[in-house]
């Protein structure tokens, strides 16, 4: 039991929920007035959300392995880079299949990552973890909702087709089936969680489903990624970073959060710099060729990140 760490998890949960509720209120307001949310407003929300989310995946090297012995640390960096390079080559070579693999891995990463967060929060509060059945009942739809529903929306499919003509048909003739299966898993998951009285997880699934159903796909995914998954993942980094743990020991929950965020800020600066350079280099081509290249790089980097995080997820979900 660690009340200070529990406060960090509580803050992450409240922050993510408040962000979703605020944007949902905006979406409902526009729908009630019969006006579509301007694309410019969607882009602003998406950019802010993505920038908030970028730092959480930029410090794998700090939490995955100790720097001593140095040979082991350098081997990790080499393997991490090699996996990213091979992933990028695979996506660039087999566009549609590569994208499908990323969609699958992302769904698993998000769902089981969020379920792990829920268990670690309960550890910090000193209460029993969720039952295995509840973990799966939550993890599967929690990963599918923010990935599958936006990516099978006709607006998203049209946008993907403009980025790369092979992506618009990534789901083939199974688009509606995949959406229906996602909703089925969600309904079944909520039913199981109701039986197990897992109120917190039920609220989360209902919020995510409402967002994915009402909001434009760009807002749905970016808001989930930056203001939900990334924030909760950041809370999970606190007990894994020495400086953040020291702040927890001193009773400083806010300081612990700062120590978990600051090491990854370089990734935000790097992303902004690359974006500016690409726009300056060729603002017209950036909308097609360079945008596709940028996405390949981003997706390639997520593969070793997801594999690294799976190590922590396994401990949080299967080590009772």
Protein backbone atom coordinates (compact mmCIF):
# COMPACT_ATOMS: atom_id res chain seq x y z
CA UNK A 1 0.00 0.00 0.00
CA UNK A 2 1.34 3.42 -1.00
CA UNK A 3 -1.15 6.30 -0.57
CA UNK A 4 1.09 8.83 -2.36
CA UNK A 5 1.52 6.60 -5.40
CA UNK A 6 -2.21 5.85 -5.31
CA UNK A 7 -2.79 9.60 -5.57
CA UNK A 8 -0.73 9.67 -8.78
CA UNK A 9 -2.89 6.95 -10.31
CA UNK A 10 -6.04 8.73 -9.13
CA UNK A 11 -4.87 11.97 -10.78
CA UNK A 12 -4.18 10.15 -14.06
CA UNK A 13 -7.63 8.58 -14.02
CA UNK A 14 -9.41 11.84 -13.28
CA UNK A 15 -7.39 13.79 -15.85
CA UNK A 16 -8.17 11.31 -18.63
CA UNK A 17 -11.86 11.20 -17.77
CA UNK A 18 -12.24 14.97 -17.50
CA UNK A 19 -10.57 15.43 -20.89
CA UNK A 20 -12.96 12.99 -22.53
CA UNK A 21 -16.01 14.49 -20.85
CA UNK A 22 -14.97 18.02 -21.87
CA UNK A 23 -14.50 17.06 -25.52
CA UNK A 24 -17.69 15.00 -25.50
CA UNK A 25 -19.56 18.06 -24.26
CA UNK A 26 -18.09 20.03 -27.17
CA UNK A 27 -19.07 17.32 -29.66
CA UNK A 28 -22.62 17.04 -28.29
CA UNK A 29 -22.94 20.83 -28.36
CA UNK A 30 -22.02 20.95 -32.05
CA UNK A 31 -24.36 18.05 -32.86
CA UNK A 32 -27.25 19.70 -30.99
CA UNK A 33 -26.76 22.89 -33.00
CA UNK A 34 -26.65 20.92 -36.25
CA UNK A 35 -23.10 22.09 -37.03
CA UNK A 36 -20.16 19.85 -37.83
CA UNK A 37 -16.96 20.42 -35.89
CA UNK A 38 -14.63 22.37 -38.21
CA UNK A 39 -11.63 20.39 -39.43
CA UNK A 40 -9.37 23.13 -38.07
CA UNK A 41 -10.79 22.59 -34.57
CA UNK A 42 -10.35 18.83 -34.91
CA UNK A 43 -6.72 19.30 -35.91
CA UNK A 44 -6.06 21.61 -32.94
CA UNK A 45 -7.53 19.07 -30.50
CA UNK A 46 -5.60 16.26 -32.17
CA UNK A 47 -2.27 18.11 -32.13
CA UNK A 48 -2.60 19.11 -28.48
CA UNK A 49 -3.54 15.55 -27.52
CA UNK A 50 -0.71 13.98 -29.51
CA UNK A 51 1.87 16.38 -28.07
CA UNK A 52 0.68 15.49 -24.57
CA UNK A 53 1.06 11.82 -25.39
CA UNK A 54 4.45 11.79 -27.08
CA UNK A 55 6.69 11.85 -23.92
CA UNK A 56 5.24 8.64 -22.44
CA UNK A 57 6.88 6.42 -25.04
CA UNK A 58 10.21 8.20 -25.21
CA UNK A 59 11.91 6.83 -22.10
CA UNK A 60 11.75 3.06 -22.63
CA UNK A 61 15.52 2.93 -22.29
CA UNK A 62 15.29 4.40 -18.77
CA UNK A 63 12.81 1.90 -17.40
CA UNK A 64 13.34 -1.30 -19.39
CA UNK A 65 16.87 -2.09 -18.29
CA UNK A 66 19.48 -0.77 -15.88
CA UNK A 67 22.50 1.03 -17.27
CA UNK A 68 24.79 -1.43 -15.53
CA UNK A 69 26.40 -3.44 -16.94
CA UNK A 70 26.85 -1.02 -19.80
CA UNK A 71 27.24 -3.83 -22.35
CA UNK A 72 23.73 -5.06 -21.55
CA UNK A 73 22.32 -1.56 -21.80
CA UNK A 74 23.96 -0.92 -25.17
CA UNK A 75 22.74 -4.32 -26.42
CA UNK A 76 19.20 -3.28 -25.52
CA UNK A 77 19.56 -0.01 -27.45
CA UNK A 78 20.93 -1.88 -30.49
CA UNK A 79 18.10 -4.43 -30.45
CA UNK A 80 15.51 -1.68 -29.91
CA UNK A 81 16.83 0.21 -32.93
CA UNK A 82 17.10 -2.95 -35.04
CA UNK A 83 13.46 -3.88 -34.35
CA UNK A 84 12.36 -0.36 -35.28
CA UNK A 85 14.35 -0.45 -38.53
CA UNK A 86 13.02 -3.88 -39.51
CA UNK A 87 9.48 -2.80 -38.64
CA UNK A 88 9.80 0.32 -40.77
CA UNK A 89 11.14 -1.74 -43.67
CA UNK A 90 8.27 -4.20 -43.33
CA UNK A 91 5.59 -1.50 -43.28
CA UNK A 92 7.17 0.32 -46.22
CA UNK A 93 7.41 -2.93 -48.20
CA UNK A 94 4.03 -4.47 -47.36
CA UNK A 95 1.94 -1.36 -46.76
CA UNK A 96 -1.47 -2.87 -46.08
CA UNK A 97 -0.27 -5.95 -44.19
CA UNK A 98 2.14 -3.84 -42.18
CA UNK A 99 -0.65 -1.46 -41.24
CA UNK A 100 -2.90 -4.36 -40.24
CA UNK A 101 -0.19 -5.71 -37.92
CA UNK A 102 0.20 -2.24 -36.35
CA UNK A 103 -3.56 -2.03 -35.81
CA UNK A 104 -3.58 -5.43 -34.10
CA UNK A 105 -0.54 -4.73 -31.93
CA UNK A 106 -1.86 -1.29 -30.98
CA UNK A 107 -5.21 -2.74 -29.89
CA UNK A 108 -3.47 -5.29 -27.66
CA UNK A 109 -1.00 -2.72 -26.35
CA UNK A 110 -3.67 -0.18 -25.43
CA UNK A 111 -6.13 -2.64 -23.94
CA UNK A 112 -3.77 -4.69 -21.80
CA UNK A 113 -1.78 -1.59 -20.91
CA UNK A 114 -4.88 0.11 -19.51
CA UNK A 115 -5.87 -3.08 -17.68
CA UNK A 116 -2.37 -3.21 -16.17
CA UNK A 117 -2.76 0.38 -15.05
CA UNK A 118 -5.98 -0.55 -13.25
CA UNK A 119 -4.27 -3.40 -11.40
CA UNK A 120 -1.24 -1.31 -10.43
CA UNK A 121 -3.57 1.36 -9.04
CA UNK A 122 -5.20 -1.28 -6.86
CA UNK A 123 -1.74 -2.43 -5.74
CA UNK A 124 -0.95 1.13 -4.65
CA UNK A 125 -4.23 1.29 -2.73
CA UNK A 126 -3.46 -2.02 -1.05
CA UNK A 127 -6.51 -3.88 -2.35
CA UNK A 128 -6.82 -7.11 -4.32
CA UNK A 129 -6.29 -7.00 -8.07
CA UNK A 130 -9.13 -7.58 -10.48
CA UNK A 131 -10.09 -11.16 -11.23
CA UNK A 132 -8.52 -12.58 -14.38
CA UNK A 133 -11.88 -12.75 -16.15
CA UNK A 134 -12.51 -9.07 -15.42
CA UNK A 135 -9.06 -8.14 -16.72
CA UNK A 136 -9.75 -9.73 -20.10
CA UNK A 137 -13.34 -8.48 -20.19
CA UNK A 138 -11.98 -4.96 -19.90
CA UNK A 139 -8.69 -5.22 -21.82
CA UNK A 140 -10.08 -6.54 -25.12
CA UNK A 141 -12.78 -3.90 -25.73
CA UNK A 142 -10.64 -1.15 -24.15
CA UNK A 143 -8.06 -1.75 -26.86
CA UNK A 144 -10.47 -2.31 -29.75
CA UNK A 145 -12.75 0.69 -29.17
CA UNK A 146 -10.24 3.56 -29.66
CA UNK A 147 -8.45 1.81 -32.56
CA UNK A 148 -10.97 -0.21 -34.55
CA UNK A 149 -13.98 2.08 -34.39
CA UNK A 150 -12.14 5.21 -35.63
CA UNK A 151 -10.21 3.29 -38.30
CA UNK A 152 -13.35 1.67 -39.73
CA UNK A 153 -15.19 4.99 -39.92
CA UNK A 154 -15.77 6.03 -43.56
CA UNK A 155 -14.11 9.40 -42.93
CA UNK A 156 -10.95 7.74 -41.62
CA UNK A 157 -10.88 5.23 -44.47
CA UNK A 158 -11.10 8.09 -46.97
CA UNK A 159 -8.23 9.92 -45.25
CA UNK A 160 -6.10 6.76 -45.15
CA UNK A 161 -6.71 6.24 -48.84
CA UNK A 162 -5.37 9.72 -49.58
CA UNK A 163 -2.23 9.04 -47.54
CA UNK A 164 -1.60 5.67 -49.17
CA UNK A 165 -4.05 4.06 -51.60
CA UNK A 166 -3.55 0.60 -50.08
CA UNK A 167 -4.62 1.66 -46.58
CA UNK A 168 -8.18 2.71 -47.38
CA UNK A 169 -9.12 -0.93 -47.83
CA UNK A 170 -7.17 -2.31 -44.88
CA UNK A 171 -10.31 -3.99 -43.50
CA UNK A 172 -11.44 -5.23 -46.91
CA UNK A 173 -15.04 -6.40 -47.06
CA UNK A 174 -15.02 -7.08 -43.32
CA UNK A 175 -15.35 -3.46 -42.18
CA UNK A 176 -18.88 -3.80 -40.78
CA UNK A 177 -18.12 -7.22 -39.32
CA UNK A 178 -15.07 -5.87 -37.50
CA UNK A 179 -17.12 -2.97 -36.10
CA UNK A 180 -19.90 -5.32 -34.97
CA UNK A 181 -17.41 -7.67 -33.32
CA UNK A 182 -15.94 -4.69 -31.44
CA UNK A 183 -19.37 -3.67 -30.17
CA UNK A 184 -20.11 -7.29 -29.24
CA UNK A 185 -16.91 -7.55 -27.18
CA UNK A 186 -17.80 -4.25 -25.51
CA UNK A 187 -21.31 -5.35 -24.55
CA UNK A 188 -20.05 -8.72 -23.31
CA UNK A 189 -17.23 -7.02 -21.39
CA UNK A 190 -19.58 -4.59 -19.66
CA UNK A 191 -21.93 -7.47 -18.79
CA UNK A 192 -19.08 -9.42 -17.16
CA UNK A 193 -17.85 -6.33 -15.32
CA UNK A 194 -21.36 -5.64 -14.01
CA UNK A 195 -21.51 -9.16 -12.61
CA UNK A 196 -18.12 -8.63 -10.95
CA UNK A 197 -19.13 -5.14 -9.77
CA UNK A 198 -16.11 -3.50 -11.41
CA UNK A 199 -17.67 -0.04 -11.51
CA UNK A 200 -14.50 1.88 -12.40
CA UNK A 201 -13.83 -0.27 -15.45
CA UNK A 202 -17.48 -0.06 -16.56
CA UNK A 203 -17.36 3.75 -16.46
CA UNK A 204 -14.17 3.75 -18.53
CA UNK A 205 -15.64 1.49 -21.24
CA UNK A 206 -18.82 3.55 -21.42
CA UNK A 207 -16.81 6.77 -21.79
CA UNK A 208 -14.59 5.31 -24.53
CA UNK A 209 -17.55 3.86 -26.41
CA UNK A 210 -19.46 7.13 -26.26
CA UNK A 211 -16.45 9.05 -27.54
CA UNK A 212 -15.83 6.63 -30.42
CA UNK A 213 -19.51 6.67 -31.36
CA UNK A 214 -20.09 10.42 -31.31
CA UNK A 215 -16.74 12.10 -32.04
CA UNK A 216 -14.93 12.32 -35.40
CA UNK A 217 -12.31 9.56 -35.78
CA UNK A 218 -9.38 12.01 -35.68
CA UNK A 219 -10.51 13.35 -32.31
CA UNK A 220 -11.36 9.91 -30.94
CA UNK A 221 -7.97 8.33 -31.49
CA UNK A 222 -5.76 11.34 -30.75
CA UNK A 223 -7.67 12.20 -27.55
CA UNK A 224 -7.53 8.61 -26.37
CA UNK A 225 -3.83 8.27 -27.19
CA UNK A 226 -2.64 11.52 -25.65
CA UNK A 227 -5.06 12.27 -22.83
CA UNK A 228 -6.03 8.75 -21.76
CA UNK A 229 -3.53 6.02 -22.56
CA UNK A 230 -0.40 8.18 -22.40
CA UNK A 231 -1.39 9.85 -19.13
CA UNK A 232 -2.15 6.53 -17.48
CA UNK A 233 1.07 5.04 -18.84
CA UNK A 234 2.95 8.02 -17.36
CA UNK A 235 1.49 7.18 -13.94
CA UNK A 236 2.84 3.65 -14.38
CA UNK A 237 6.32 5.06 -15.03
CA UNK A 238 6.49 6.73 -11.60
CA UNK A 239 7.47 3.63 -9.57
CA UNK A 240 9.94 2.62 -12.30
CA UNK A 241 12.02 5.82 -12.30
CA UNK A 242 14.43 6.47 -9.43
CA UNK A 243 13.82 10.24 -9.29
CA UNK A 244 10.04 9.76 -9.33
CA UNK A 245 10.24 7.08 -6.64
CA UNK A 246 12.29 9.44 -4.47
CA UNK A 247 9.56 12.07 -4.79
CA UNK A 248 6.95 9.48 -3.78
CA UNK A 249 9.03 8.56 -0.73
CA UNK A 250 9.03 12.24 0.22
CA UNK A 251 5.25 12.43 -0.16
CA UNK A 252 5.42 14.62 -3.27
CA UNK A 253 2.95 13.17 -5.80
CA UNK A 254 3.10 16.24 -8.07
CA UNK A 255 6.89 16.12 -8.16
CA UNK A 256 6.77 12.42 -9.01
CA UNK A 257 4.56 13.15 -12.02
CA UNK A 258 6.93 15.88 -13.19
CA UNK A 259 9.92 13.52 -12.91
CA UNK A 260 8.04 10.98 -15.06
CA UNK A 261 7.20 13.56 -17.74
CA UNK A 262 10.36 15.66 -18.09
CA UNK A 263 12.69 12.88 -19.41
CA UNK A 264 10.43 12.44 -22.43
CA UNK A 265 10.01 16.10 -23.36
CA UNK A 266 12.93 15.91 -25.77
CA UNK A 267 10.68 13.79 -28.00
CA UNK A 268 8.12 16.62 -28.18
CA UNK A 269 10.82 19.09 -29.21
CA UNK A 270 12.19 16.62 -31.75
CA UNK A 271 8.75 15.99 -33.22
CA UNK A 272 8.02 19.68 -33.58
CA UNK A 273 11.42 20.28 -35.17
CA UNK A 274 10.94 17.47 -37.69
CA UNK A 275 7.45 18.70 -38.54
CA UNK A 276 8.71 22.24 -39.12
CA UNK A 277 11.61 21.04 -41.27
CA UNK A 278 9.30 18.87 -43.37
CA UNK A 279 6.89 21.74 -43.90
CA UNK A 280 9.71 24.07 -44.87
CA UNK A 281 11.26 21.47 -47.13
CA UNK A 282 8.12 20.93 -49.19
CA UNK A 283 4.73 21.96 -47.73
CA UNK A 284 2.82 20.47 -50.67
CA UNK A 285 4.52 17.10 -50.72
CA UNK A 286 4.21 16.84 -46.94
CA UNK A 287 0.52 16.16 -47.44
CA UNK A 288 1.22 12.91 -49.27
CA UNK A 289 4.66 11.38 -49.73
CA UNK A 290 6.43 12.84 -46.72
CA UNK A 291 3.39 12.35 -44.51
CA UNK A 292 3.38 8.64 -45.37
CA UNK A 293 7.11 8.42 -44.68
CA UNK A 294 6.63 10.16 -41.33
CA UNK A 295 3.84 7.77 -40.35
CA UNK A 296 5.99 4.76 -41.27
CA UNK A 297 8.73 6.06 -38.98
CA UNK A 298 6.28 6.68 -36.12
CA UNK A 299 4.64 3.26 -36.48
CA UNK A 300 8.03 1.56 -36.70
CA UNK A 301 9.11 3.18 -33.43
CA UNK A 302 5.95 2.03 -31.69
CA UNK A 303 6.77 -1.64 -32.28
CA UNK A 304 9.77 -1.90 -29.89
CA UNK A 305 7.92 0.40 -27.48
CA UNK A 306 4.95 -1.99 -27.40
CA UNK A 307 7.22 -4.99 -26.96
CA UNK A 308 9.04 -3.26 -24.09
CA UNK A 309 5.80 -2.32 -22.38
CA UNK A 310 4.48 -5.88 -22.71
CA UNK A 311 7.07 -6.90 -20.12
CA UNK A 312 5.48 -4.61 -17.51
CA UNK A 313 1.96 -5.57 -18.57
CA UNK A 314 2.70 -9.25 -18.06
CA UNK A 315 3.89 -8.56 -14.53
CA UNK A 316 0.85 -6.44 -13.71
CA UNK A 317 -1.66 -8.90 -15.15
CA UNK A 318 -0.25 -12.37 -14.53
CA UNK A 319 1.92 -12.08 -11.43
CA UNK A 320 -0.60 -12.29 -8.63
